[in-house]
Amino acid sequence: RVDGKTLYGLTAPLITTAAGAKMGKTATGAVWLNADKLSPYDYW
């Protein structure tokens, strides 16, 4: 509308486990990507 240009949008599915649980959550909280919030061992 404002620039007269064609842009694109693309989405990925929201991921759940086979059991229907939300991806990235465990009983003890979020699965963080930083080692100071979750050890590499726990991530593994």
PDB file of all heavy atoms in Angstrom:
ATOM      1  N   ARG A   1       0.806  -1.219   0.000  1.00  0.00           N
ATOM      2  CA  ARG A   1       0.000   0.000   0.000  1.00  0.00           C
ATOM      3  C   ARG A   1       0.839   1.269   0.000  1.00  0.00           C
ATOM      4  O   ARG A   1       0.523   2.232  -0.700  1.00  0.00           O
ATOM      5  CB  ARG A   1      -0.933   0.005   1.224  1.00  0.00           C
ATOM      6  CG  ARG A   1      -2.054  -1.026   1.156  1.00  0.00           C
ATOM      7  CD  ARG A   1      -2.819  -1.080   2.469  1.00  0.00           C
ATOM      8  NE  ARG A   1      -3.897  -2.054   2.436  1.00  0.00           N
ATOM      9  CZ  ARG A   1      -5.145  -1.781   2.079  1.00  0.00           C
ATOM     10  NH1 ARG A   1      -5.470  -0.556   1.708  1.00  0.00           N
ATOM     11  NH2 ARG A   1      -6.068  -2.725   2.088  1.00  0.00           N
ATOM     12  N   VAL A   2       1.934   1.292   0.790  1.00  0.00           N
ATOM     13  CA  VAL A   2       2.683   2.549   0.930  1.00  0.00           C
ATOM     14  C   VAL A   2       3.836   2.681  -0.061  1.00  0.00           C
ATOM     15  O   VAL A   2       4.203   3.793  -0.439  1.00  0.00           O
ATOM     16  CB  VAL A   2       3.214   2.722   2.374  1.00  0.00           C
ATOM     17  CG1 VAL A   2       2.066   2.764   3.367  1.00  0.00           C
ATOM     18  CG2 VAL A   2       4.210   1.631   2.741  1.00  0.00           C
ATOM     19  N   ASP A   3       4.412   1.549  -0.493  1.00  0.00           N
ATOM     20  CA  ASP A   3       5.548   1.607  -1.413  1.00  0.00           C
ATOM     21  C   ASP A   3       5.265   0.952  -2.762  1.00  0.00           C
ATOM     22  O   ASP A   3       6.106   1.013  -3.663  1.00  0.00           O
ATOM     23  CB  ASP A   3       6.781   0.939  -0.787  1.00  0.00           C
ATOM     24  CG  ASP A   3       7.412   1.793   0.300  1.00  0.00           C
ATOM     25  OD1 ASP A   3       6.966   2.940   0.479  1.00  0.00           O
ATOM     26  OD2 ASP A   3       8.344   1.311   0.976  1.00  0.00           O
ATOM     27  N   GLY A   4       4.119   0.292  -2.884  1.00  0.00           N
ATOM     28  CA  GLY A   4       3.780  -0.361  -4.139  1.00  0.00           C
ATOM     29  C   GLY A   4       4.676  -1.538  -4.475  1.00  0.00           C
ATOM     30  O   GLY A   4       4.856  -1.871  -5.646  1.00  0.00           O
ATOM     31  N   LYS A   5       5.247  -2.196  -3.467  1.00  0.00           N
ATOM     32  CA  LYS A   5       6.173  -3.297  -3.687  1.00  0.00           C
ATOM     33  C   LYS A   5       5.584  -4.627  -3.223  1.00  0.00           C
ATOM     34  O   LYS A   5       4.765  -4.670  -2.302  1.00  0.00           O
ATOM     35  CB  LYS A   5       7.486  -3.041  -2.943  1.00  0.00           C
ATOM     36  CG  LYS A   5       8.211  -1.779  -3.387  1.00  0.00           C
ATOM     37  CD  LYS A   5       8.668  -1.881  -4.843  1.00  0.00           C
ATOM     38  CE  LYS A   5       9.469  -0.647  -5.250  1.00  0.00           C
ATOM     39  NZ  LYS A   5       9.934  -0.740  -6.654  1.00  0.00           N
ATOM     40  N   THR A   6       6.037  -5.688  -3.859  1.00  0.00           N
ATOM     41  CA  THR A   6       5.599  -7.035  -3.489  1.00  0.00           C
ATOM     42  C   THR A   6       6.624  -7.674  -2.562  1.00  0.00           C
ATOM     43  O   THR A   6       7.786  -7.859  -2.931  1.00  0.00           O
ATOM     44  CB  THR A   6       5.424  -7.920  -4.732  1.00  0.00           C
ATOM     45  OG1 THR A   6       4.418  -7.358  -5.578  1.00  0.00           O
ATOM     46  CG2 THR A   6       5.012  -9.334  -4.331  1.00  0.00           C
ATOM     47  N   LEU A   7       6.189  -7.975  -1.376  1.00  0.00           N
ATOM     48  CA  LEU A   7       7.015  -8.695  -0.415  1.00  0.00           C
ATOM     49  C   LEU A   7       6.388 -10.057  -0.160  1.00  0.00           C
ATOM     50  O   LEU A   7       5.268 -10.333  -0.587  1.00  0.00           O
ATOM     51  CB  LEU A   7       7.144  -7.909   0.896  1.00  0.00           C
ATOM     52  CG  LEU A   7       7.684  -6.487   0.806  1.00  0.00           C
ATOM     53  CD1 LEU A   7       7.860  -5.896   2.206  1.00  0.00           C
ATOM     54  CD2 LEU A   7       8.996  -6.442   0.056  1.00  0.00           C
ATOM     55  N   TYR A   8       7.112 -10.910   0.569  1.00  0.00           N
ATOM     56  CA  TYR A   8       6.663 -12.283   0.769  1.00  0.00           C
ATOM     57  C   TYR A   8       6.660 -12.651   2.258  1.00  0.00           C
ATOM     58  O   TYR A   8       7.448 -12.125   3.045  1.00  0.00           O
ATOM     59  CB  TYR A   8       7.569 -13.263   0.013  1.00  0.00           C
ATOM     60  CG  TYR A   8       7.700 -12.954  -1.461  1.00  0.00           C
ATOM     61  CD1 TYR A   8       8.799 -12.249  -1.935  1.00  0.00           C
ATOM     62  CD2 TYR A   8       6.721 -13.351  -2.358  1.00  0.00           C
ATOM     63  CE1 TYR A   8       8.928 -11.951  -3.280  1.00  0.00           C
ATOM     64  CE2 TYR A   8       6.837 -13.060  -3.707  1.00  0.00           C
ATOM     65  CZ  TYR A   8       7.944 -12.354  -4.170  1.00  0.00           C
ATOM     66  OH  TYR A   8       8.049 -12.052  -5.500  1.00  0.00           O
ATOM     67  N   GLY A   9       5.778 -13.555   2.590  1.00  0.00           N
ATOM     68  CA  GLY A   9       5.719 -14.099   3.940  1.00  0.00           C
ATOM     69  C   GLY A   9       5.734 -15.609   3.893  1.00  0.00           C
ATOM     70  O   GLY A   9       5.131 -16.219   2.999  1.00  0.00           O
ATOM     71  N   LEU A  10       6.436 -16.223   4.835  1.00  0.00           N
ATOM     72  CA  LEU A  10       6.542 -17.682   4.894  1.00  0.00           C
ATOM     73  C   LEU A  10       6.551 -18.098   6.356  1.00  0.00           C
ATOM     74  O   LEU A  10       7.242 -17.486   7.169  1.00  0.00           O
ATOM     75  CB  LEU A  10       7.818 -18.140   4.182  1.00  0.00           C
ATOM     76  CG  LEU A  10       8.075 -19.643   4.051  1.00  0.00           C
ATOM     77  CD1 LEU A  10       8.888 -19.924   2.780  1.00  0.00           C
ATOM     78  CD2 LEU A  10       8.826 -20.202   5.257  1.00  0.00           C
ATOM     79  N   THR A  11       5.787 -19.115   6.681  1.00  0.00           N
ATOM     80  CA  THR A  11       5.740 -19.580   8.065  1.00  0.00           C
ATOM     81  C   THR A  11       6.107 -21.053   8.179  1.00  0.00           C
ATOM     82  O   THR A  11       5.938 -21.837   7.239  1.00  0.00           O
ATOM     83  CB  THR A  11       4.355 -19.375   8.704  1.00  0.00           C
ATOM     84  OG1 THR A  11       3.382 -20.124   7.976  1.00  0.00           O
ATOM     85  CG2 THR A  11       3.978 -17.906   8.728  1.00  0.00           C
ATOM     86  N   ALA A  12       6.615 -21.399   9.345  1.00  0.00           N
ATOM     87  CA  ALA A  12       6.930 -22.780   9.706  1.00  0.00           C
ATOM     88  C   ALA A  12       5.880 -23.270  10.687  1.00  0.00           C
ATOM     89  O   ALA A  12       5.263 -22.475  11.405  1.00  0.00           O
ATOM     90  CB  ALA A  12       8.320 -22.855  10.329  1.00  0.00           C
ATOM     91  N   PRO A  13       5.653 -24.576  10.752  1.00  0.00           N
ATOM     92  CA  PRO A  13       4.662 -25.096  11.702  1.00  0.00           C
ATOM     93  C   PRO A  13       5.136 -24.936  13.137  1.00  0.00           C
ATOM     94  O   PRO A  13       6.339 -24.914  13.412  1.00  0.00           O
ATOM     95  CB  PRO A  13       4.550 -26.572  11.322  1.00  0.00           C
ATOM     96  CG  PRO A  13       5.865 -26.902  10.687  1.00  0.00           C
ATOM     97  CD  PRO A  13       6.298 -25.653   9.971  1.00  0.00           C
ATOM     98  N   LEU A  14       4.199 -24.815  14.055  1.00  0.00           N
ATOM     99  CA  LEU A  14       4.534 -24.849  15.468  1.00  0.00           C
ATOM    100  C   LEU A  14       4.806 -26.301  15.848  1.00  0.00           C
ATOM    101  O   LEU A  14       3.996 -27.186  15.556  1.00  0.00           O
ATOM    102  CB  LEU A  14       3.399 -24.266  16.310  1.00  0.00           C
ATOM    103  CG  LEU A  14       3.083 -22.790  16.063  1.00  0.00           C
ATOM    104  CD1 LEU A  14       1.940 -22.335  16.959  1.00  0.00           C
ATOM    105  CD2 LEU A  14       4.315 -21.916  16.288  1.00  0.00           C
ATOM    106  N   ILE A  15       5.936 -26.535  16.475  1.00  0.00           N
ATOM    107  CA  ILE A  15       6.389 -27.904  16.726  1.00  0.00           C
ATOM    108  C   ILE A  15       5.913 -28.404  18.081  1.00  0.00           C
ATOM    109  O   ILE A  15       6.109 -27.751  19.107  1.00  0.00           O
ATOM    110  CB  ILE A  15       7.922 -27.993  16.655  1.00  0.00           C
ATOM    111  CG1 ILE A  15       8.422 -27.498  15.291  1.00  0.00           C
ATOM    112  CG2 ILE A  15       8.393 -29.418  16.896  1.00  0.00           C
ATOM    113  CD1 ILE A  15       7.905 -28.295  14.117  1.00  0.00           C
ATOM    114  N   THR A  16       5.290 -29.557  18.053  1.00  0.00           N
ATOM    115  CA  THR A  16       4.953 -30.276  19.285  1.00  0.00           C
ATOM    116  C   THR A  16       5.562 -31.668  19.206  1.00  0.00           C
ATOM    117  O   THR A  16       5.927 -32.144  18.130  1.00  0.00           O
ATOM    118  CB  THR A  16       3.432 -30.399  19.489  1.00  0.00           C
ATOM    119  OG1 THR A  16       2.870 -31.084  18.354  1.00  0.00           O
ATOM    120  CG2 THR A  16       2.784 -29.029  19.616  1.00  0.00           C
ATOM    121  N   THR A  17       5.687 -32.324  20.348  1.00  0.00           N
ATOM    122  CA  THR A  17       6.196 -33.689  20.360  1.00  0.00           C
ATOM    123  C   THR A  17       5.103 -34.645  19.903  1.00  0.00           C
ATOM    124  O   THR A  17       3.936 -34.268  19.761  1.00  0.00           O
ATOM    125  CB  THR A  17       6.663 -34.090  21.763  1.00  0.00           C
ATOM    126  OG1 THR A  17       5.519 -34.165  22.632  1.00  0.00           O
ATOM    127  CG2 THR A  17       7.651 -33.063  22.319  1.00  0.00           C
ATOM    128  N   ALA A  18       5.492 -35.895  19.678  1.00  0.00           N
ATOM    129  CA  ALA A  18       4.520 -36.909  19.260  1.00  0.00           C
ATOM    130  C   ALA A  18       3.411 -37.069  20.293  1.00  0.00           C
ATOM    131  O   ALA A  18       2.284 -37.440  19.966  1.00  0.00           O
ATOM    132  CB  ALA A  18       5.225 -38.241  19.028  1.00  0.00           C
ATOM    133  N   ALA A  19       3.725 -36.769  21.553  1.00  0.00           N
ATOM    134  CA  ALA A  19       2.731 -36.869  22.623  1.00  0.00           C
ATOM    135  C   ALA A  19       1.859 -35.620  22.726  1.00  0.00           C
ATOM    136  O   ALA A  19       0.961 -35.556  23.560  1.00  0.00           O
ATOM    137  CB  ALA A  19       3.425 -37.116  23.953  1.00  0.00           C
ATOM    138  N   GLY A  20       2.133 -34.623  21.890  1.00  0.00           N
ATOM    139  CA  GLY A  20       1.328 -33.408  21.896  1.00  0.00           C
ATOM    140  C   GLY A  20       1.848 -32.312  22.808  1.00  0.00           C
ATOM    141  O   GLY A  20       1.209 -31.265  22.941  1.00  0.00           O
ATOM    142  N   ALA A  21       3.015 -32.521  23.433  1.00  0.00           N
ATOM    143  CA  ALA A  21       3.565 -31.514  24.347  1.00  0.00           C
ATOM    144  C   ALA A  21       4.218 -30.388  23.563  1.00  0.00           C
ATOM    145  O   ALA A  21       4.714 -30.579  22.456  1.00  0.00           O
ATOM    146  CB  ALA A  21       4.588 -32.159  25.285  1.00  0.00           C
ATOM    147  N   LYS A  22       4.220 -29.208  24.153  1.00  0.00           N
ATOM    148  CA  LYS A  22       4.852 -28.049  23.532  1.00  0.00           C
ATOM    149  C   LYS A  22       6.356 -28.238  23.495  1.00  0.00           C
ATOM    150  O   LYS A  22       6.974 -28.653  24.462  1.00  0.00           O
ATOM    151  CB  LYS A  22       4.500 -26.784  24.317  1.00  0.00           C
ATOM    152  CG  LYS A  22       4.928 -25.493  23.646  1.00  0.00           C
ATOM    153  CD  LYS A  22       4.427 -24.298  24.429  1.00  0.00           C
ATOM    154  CE  LYS A  22       4.831 -22.989  23.758  1.00  0.00           C
ATOM    155  NZ  LYS A  22       4.341 -21.814  24.521  1.00  0.00           N
ATOM    156  N   MET A  23       6.953 -27.925  22.356  1.00  0.00           N
ATOM    157  CA  MET A  23       8.389 -28.115  22.182  1.00  0.00           C
ATOM    158  C   MET A  23       9.168 -27.140  23.056  1.00  0.00           C
ATOM    159  O   MET A  23       8.862 -25.951  23.111  1.00  0.00           O
ATOM    160  CB  MET A  23       8.750 -27.885  20.709  1.00  0.00           C
ATOM    161  CG  MET A  23      10.191 -28.142  20.366  1.00  0.00           C
ATOM    162  SD  MET A  23      10.592 -29.885  20.520  1.00  0.00           S
ATOM    163  CE  MET A  23      12.320 -29.872  20.091  1.00  0.00           C
ATOM    164  N   GLY A  24      10.191 -27.645  23.736  1.00  0.00           N
ATOM    165  CA  GLY A  24      11.085 -26.773  24.477  1.00  0.00           C
ATOM    166  C   GLY A  24      10.763 -26.605  25.942  1.00  0.00           C
ATOM    167  O   GLY A  24      11.425 -25.841  26.637  1.00  0.00           O
ATOM    168  N   LYS A  25       9.733 -27.302  26.427  1.00  0.00           N
ATOM    169  CA  LYS A  25       9.385 -27.216  27.838  1.00  0.00           C
ATOM    170  C   LYS A  25       9.570 -28.582  28.499  1.00  0.00           C
ATOM    171  O   LYS A  25       9.283 -29.619  27.905  1.00  0.00           O
ATOM    172  CB  LYS A  25       7.934 -26.762  28.010  1.00  0.00           C
ATOM    173  CG  LYS A  25       7.653 -25.355  27.488  1.00  0.00           C
ATOM    174  CD  LYS A  25       8.203 -24.296  28.413  1.00  0.00           C
ATOM    175  CE  LYS A  25       7.776 -22.911  27.981  1.00  0.00           C
ATOM    176  NZ  LYS A  25       8.303 -21.857  28.856  1.00  0.00           N
ATOM    177  N   THR A  26      10.062 -28.569  29.727  1.00  0.00           N
ATOM    178  CA  THR A  26      10.171 -29.793  30.513  1.00  0.00           C
ATOM    179  C   THR A  26       9.516 -29.547  31.864  1.00  0.00           C
ATOM    180  O   THR A  26       9.065 -28.438  32.160  1.00  0.00           O
ATOM    181  CB  THR A  26      11.638 -30.203  30.731  1.00  0.00           C
ATOM    182  OG1 THR A  26      12.260 -29.247  31.605  1.00  0.00           O
ATOM    183  CG2 THR A  26      12.395 -30.264  29.414  1.00  0.00           C
ATOM    184  N   ALA A  27       9.500 -30.577  32.678  1.00  0.00           N
ATOM    185  CA  ALA A  27       8.888 -30.452  34.007  1.00  0.00           C
ATOM    186  C   ALA A  27       9.607 -29.419  34.863  1.00  0.00           C
ATOM    187  O   ALA A  27       9.021 -28.835  35.774  1.00  0.00           O
ATOM    188  CB  ALA A  27       8.886 -31.808  34.706  1.00  0.00           C
ATOM    189  N   THR A  28      10.886 -29.185  34.550  1.00  0.00           N
ATOM    190  CA  THR A  28      11.657 -28.242  35.363  1.00  0.00           C
ATOM    191  C   THR A  28      11.827 -26.880  34.700  1.00  0.00           C
ATOM    192  O   THR A  28      12.546 -26.032  35.214  1.00  0.00           O
ATOM    193  CB  THR A  28      13.052 -28.825  35.672  1.00  0.00           C
ATOM    194  OG1 THR A  28      13.701 -29.184  34.439  1.00  0.00           O
ATOM    195  CG2 THR A  28      12.931 -30.049  36.553  1.00  0.00           C
ATOM    196  N   GLY A  29      11.168 -26.656  33.551  1.00  0.00           N
ATOM    197  CA  GLY A  29      11.209 -25.330  32.940  1.00  0.00           C
ATOM    198  C   GLY A  29      11.685 -25.352  31.502  1.00  0.00           C
ATOM    199  O   GLY A  29      11.730 -26.398  30.851  1.00  0.00           O
ATOM    200  N   ALA A  30      12.042 -24.165  30.991  1.00  0.00           N
ATOM    201  CA  ALA A  30      12.449 -24.012  29.603  1.00  0.00           C
ATOM    202  C   ALA A  30      13.807 -24.672  29.352  1.00  0.00           C
ATOM    203  O   ALA A  30      14.657 -24.749  30.237  1.00  0.00           O
ATOM    204  CB  ALA A  30      12.514 -22.531  29.230  1.00  0.00           C
ATOM    205  N   VAL A  31      13.996 -25.132  28.117  1.00  0.00           N
ATOM    206  CA  VAL A  31      15.282 -25.698  27.705  1.00  0.00           C
ATOM    207  C   VAL A  31      16.072 -24.566  27.048  1.00  0.00           C
ATOM    208  O   VAL A  31      15.939 -24.294  25.856  1.00  0.00           O
ATOM    209  CB  VAL A  31      15.089 -26.876  26.736  1.00  0.00           C
ATOM    210  CG1 VAL A  31      16.442 -27.488  26.355  1.00  0.00           C
ATOM    211  CG2 VAL A  31      14.194 -27.936  27.365  1.00  0.00           C
ATOM    212  N   TRP A  32      16.897 -23.887  27.839  1.00  0.00           N
ATOM    213  CA  TRP A  32      17.610 -22.698  27.388  1.00  0.00           C
ATOM    214  C   TRP A  32      18.777 -23.048  26.474  1.00  0.00           C
ATOM    215  O   TRP A  32      19.355 -24.133  26.579  1.00  0.00           O
ATOM    216  CB  TRP A  32      18.118 -21.904  28.592  1.00  0.00           C
ATOM    217  CG  TRP A  32      17.035 -21.429  29.507  1.00  0.00           C
ATOM    218  CD1 TRP A  32      16.706 -21.939  30.726  1.00  0.00           C
ATOM    219  CD2 TRP A  32      16.124 -20.343  29.277  1.00  0.00           C
ATOM    220  NE1 TRP A  32      15.652 -21.238  31.261  1.00  0.00           N
ATOM    221  CE2 TRP A  32      15.274 -20.254  30.403  1.00  0.00           C
ATOM    222  CE3 TRP A  32      15.945 -19.429  28.219  1.00  0.00           C
ATOM    223  CZ2 TRP A  32      14.265 -19.300  30.499  1.00  0.00           C
ATOM    224  CZ3 TRP A  32      14.939 -18.477  28.315  1.00  0.00           C
ATOM    225  CH2 TRP A  32      14.113 -18.416  29.447  1.00  0.00           C
ATOM    226  N   LEU A  33      19.154 -22.110  25.615  1.00  0.00           N
ATOM    227  CA  LEU A  33      20.260 -22.308  24.693  1.00  0.00           C
ATOM    228  C   LEU A  33      21.583 -21.781  25.238  1.00  0.00           C
ATOM    229  O   LEU A  33      22.627 -22.045  24.651  1.00  0.00           O
ATOM    230  CB  LEU A  33      19.956 -21.629  23.343  1.00  0.00           C
ATOM    231  CG  LEU A  33      18.668 -22.059  22.640  1.00  0.00           C
ATOM    232  CD1 LEU A  33      18.564 -21.403  21.261  1.00  0.00           C
ATOM    233  CD2 LEU A  33      18.585 -23.580  22.499  1.00  0.00           C
ATOM    234  N   ASN A  34      21.552 -21.037  26.328  1.00  0.00           N
ATOM    235  CA  ASN A  34      22.773 -20.517  26.939  1.00  0.00           C
ATOM    236  C   ASN A  34      23.256 -21.453  28.041  1.00  0.00           C
ATOM    237  O   ASN A  34      22.466 -21.883  28.894  1.00  0.00           O
ATOM    238  CB  ASN A  34      22.539 -19.128  27.533  1.00  0.00           C
ATOM    239  CG  ASN A  34      22.603 -18.036  26.478  1.00  0.00           C
ATOM    240  OD1 ASN A  34      22.671 -18.322  25.286  1.00  0.00           O
ATOM    241  ND2 ASN A  34      22.569 -16.785  26.914  1.00  0.00           N
ATOM    242  N   ALA A  35      24.558 -21.720  28.035  1.00  0.00           N
ATOM    243  CA  ALA A  35      25.127 -22.673  28.989  1.00  0.00           C
ATOM    244  C   ALA A  35      25.018 -22.201  30.431  1.00  0.00           C
ATOM    245  O   ALA A  35      24.988 -23.023  31.349  1.00  0.00           O
ATOM    246  CB  ALA A  35      26.585 -22.946  28.646  1.00  0.00           C
ATOM    247  N   ASP A  36      24.952 -20.875  30.650  1.00  0.00           N
ATOM    248  CA  ASP A  36      24.849 -20.390  32.026  1.00  0.00           C
ATOM    249  C   ASP A  36      23.440 -20.552  32.594  1.00  0.00           C
ATOM    250  O   ASP A  36      23.231 -20.387  33.790  1.00  0.00           O
ATOM    251  CB  ASP A  36      25.297 -18.920  32.120  1.00  0.00           C
ATOM    252  CG  ASP A  36      24.471 -17.989  31.253  1.00  0.00           C
ATOM    253  OD1 ASP A  36      23.729 -18.489  30.373  1.00  0.00           O
ATOM    254  OD2 ASP A  36      24.566 -16.768  31.436  1.00  0.00           O
ATOM    255  N   LYS A  37      22.473 -20.891  31.730  1.00  0.00           N
ATOM    256  CA  LYS A  37      21.106 -21.134  32.203  1.00  0.00           C
ATOM    257  C   LYS A  37      20.732 -22.614  32.148  1.00  0.00           C
ATOM    258  O   LYS A  37      19.816 -23.051  32.838  1.00  0.00           O
ATOM    259  CB  LYS A  37      20.115 -20.302  31.377  1.00  0.00           C
ATOM    260  CG  LYS A  37      20.261 -18.796  31.597  1.00  0.00           C
ATOM    261  CD  LYS A  37      19.285 -18.011  30.747  1.00  0.00           C
ATOM    262  CE  LYS A  37      17.864 -18.087  31.276  1.00  0.00           C
ATOM    263  NZ  LYS A  37      17.679 -17.327  32.523  1.00  0.00           N
ATOM    264  N   LEU A  38      21.407 -23.372  31.298  1.00  0.00           N
ATOM    265  CA  LEU A  38      21.202 -24.824  31.217  1.00  0.00           C
ATOM    266  C   LEU A  38      22.514 -25.430  30.739  1.00  0.00           C
ATOM    267  O   LEU A  38      23.039 -25.055  29.692  1.00  0.00           O
ATOM    268  CB  LEU A  38      20.076 -25.171  30.240  1.00  0.00           C
ATOM    269  CG  LEU A  38      19.717 -26.664  30.184  1.00  0.00           C
ATOM    270  CD1 LEU A  38      18.896 -27.063  31.408  1.00  0.00           C
ATOM    271  CD2 LEU A  38      18.942 -26.999  28.908  1.00  0.00           C
ATOM    272  N   SER A  39      23.047 -26.367  31.503  1.00  0.00           N
ATOM    273  CA  SER A  39      24.359 -26.928  31.171  1.00  0.00           C
ATOM    274  C   SER A  39      24.294 -27.694  29.851  1.00  0.00           C
ATOM    275  O   SER A  39      23.250 -28.235  29.475  1.00  0.00           O
ATOM    276  CB  SER A  39      24.817 -27.872  32.284  1.00  0.00           C
ATOM    277  OG  SER A  39      24.060 -29.080  32.263  1.00  0.00           O
ATOM    278  N   PRO A  40      25.418 -27.763  29.119  1.00  0.00           N
ATOM    279  CA  PRO A  40      25.449 -28.575  27.892  1.00  0.00           C
ATOM    280  C   PRO A  40      25.047 -30.030  28.144  1.00  0.00           C
ATOM    281  O   PRO A  40      24.426 -30.660  27.280  1.00  0.00           O
ATOM    282  CB  PRO A  40      26.914 -28.465  27.448  1.00  0.00           C
ATOM    283  CG  PRO A  40      27.358 -27.132  27.962  1.00  0.00           C
ATOM    284  CD  PRO A  40      26.656 -26.988  29.288  1.00  0.00           C
ATOM    285  N   TYR A  41      25.379 -30.554  29.318  1.00  0.00           N
ATOM    286  CA  TYR A  41      24.975 -31.932  29.639  1.00  0.00           C
ATOM    287  C   TYR A  41      23.455 -32.058  29.692  1.00  0.00           C
ATOM    288  O   TYR A  41      22.873 -32.989  29.125  1.00  0.00           O
ATOM    289  CB  TYR A  41      25.586 -32.365  30.971  1.00  0.00           C
ATOM    290  CG  TYR A  41      25.070 -33.706  31.441  1.00  0.00           C
ATOM    291  CD1 TYR A  41      25.574 -34.890  30.920  1.00  0.00           C
ATOM    292  CD2 TYR A  41      24.051 -33.798  32.394  1.00  0.00           C
ATOM    293  CE1 TYR A  41      25.087 -36.124  31.322  1.00  0.00           C
ATOM    294  CE2 TYR A  41      23.558 -35.021  32.808  1.00  0.00           C
ATOM    295  CZ  TYR A  41      24.079 -36.184  32.264  1.00  0.00           C
ATOM    296  OH  TYR A  41      23.579 -37.404  32.657  1.00  0.00           O
ATOM    297  N   ASP A  42      22.783 -31.129  30.374  1.00  0.00           N
ATOM    298  CA  ASP A  42      21.326 -31.183  30.452  1.00  0.00           C
ATOM    299  C   ASP A  42      20.700 -30.958  29.083  1.00  0.00           C
ATOM    300  O   ASP A  42      19.650 -31.541  28.767  1.00  0.00           O
ATOM    301  CB  ASP A  42      20.811 -30.136  31.442  1.00  0.00           C
ATOM    302  CG  ASP A  42      20.990 -30.567  32.890  1.00  0.00           C
ATOM    303  OD1 ASP A  42      21.010 -31.784  33.140  1.00  0.00           O
ATOM    304  OD2 ASP A  42      21.110 -29.688  33.763  1.00  0.00           O
ATOM    305  N   TYR A  43      21.330 -30.108  28.281  1.00  0.00           N
ATOM    306  CA  TYR A  43      20.844 -29.888  26.913  1.00  0.00           C
ATOM    307  C   TYR A  43      20.969 -31.185  26.111  1.00  0.00           C
ATOM    308  O   TYR A  43      20.037 -31.582  25.407  1.00  0.00           O
ATOM    309  CB  TYR A  43      21.666 -28.772  26.258  1.00  0.00           C
ATOM    310  CG  TYR A  43      21.138 -28.289  24.930  1.00  0.00           C
ATOM    311  CD1 TYR A  43      20.060 -27.404  24.861  1.00  0.00           C
ATOM    312  CD2 TYR A  43      21.726 -28.699  23.729  1.00  0.00           C
ATOM    313  CE1 TYR A  43      19.585 -26.957  23.643  1.00  0.00           C
ATOM    314  CE2 TYR A  43      21.253 -28.248  22.506  1.00  0.00           C
ATOM    315  CZ  TYR A  43      20.182 -27.376  22.466  1.00  0.00           C
ATOM    316  OH  TYR A  43      19.695 -26.931  21.257  1.00  0.00           O
ATOM    317  N   TRP A  44      22.099 -31.865  26.234  1.00  0.00           N
ATOM    318  CA  TRP A  44      22.303 -33.148  25.560  1.00  0.00           C
ATOM    319  C   TRP A  44      21.249 -34.152  26.007  1.00  0.00           C
ATOM    320  O   TRP A  44      20.661 -34.865  25.191  1.00  0.00           O
ATOM    321  CB  TRP A  44      23.711 -33.654  25.893  1.00  0.00           C
ATOM    322  CG  TRP A  44      24.194 -34.829  25.097  1.00  0.00           C
ATOM    323  CD1 TRP A  44      24.946 -34.801  23.965  1.00  0.00           C
ATOM    324  CD2 TRP A  44      23.972 -36.225  25.392  1.00  0.00           C
ATOM    325  NE1 TRP A  44      25.215 -36.078  23.523  1.00  0.00           N
ATOM    326  CE2 TRP A  44      24.623 -36.971  24.391  1.00  0.00           C
ATOM    327  CE3 TRP A  44      23.291 -36.904  26.397  1.00  0.00           C
ATOM    328  CZ2 TRP A  44      24.614 -38.365  24.372  1.00  0.00           C
ATOM    329  CZ3 TRP A  44      23.263 -38.290  26.378  1.00  0.00           C
ATOM    330  CH2 TRP A  44      23.922 -39.011  25.377  1.00  0.00           C
TER     331      TRP A  44
END
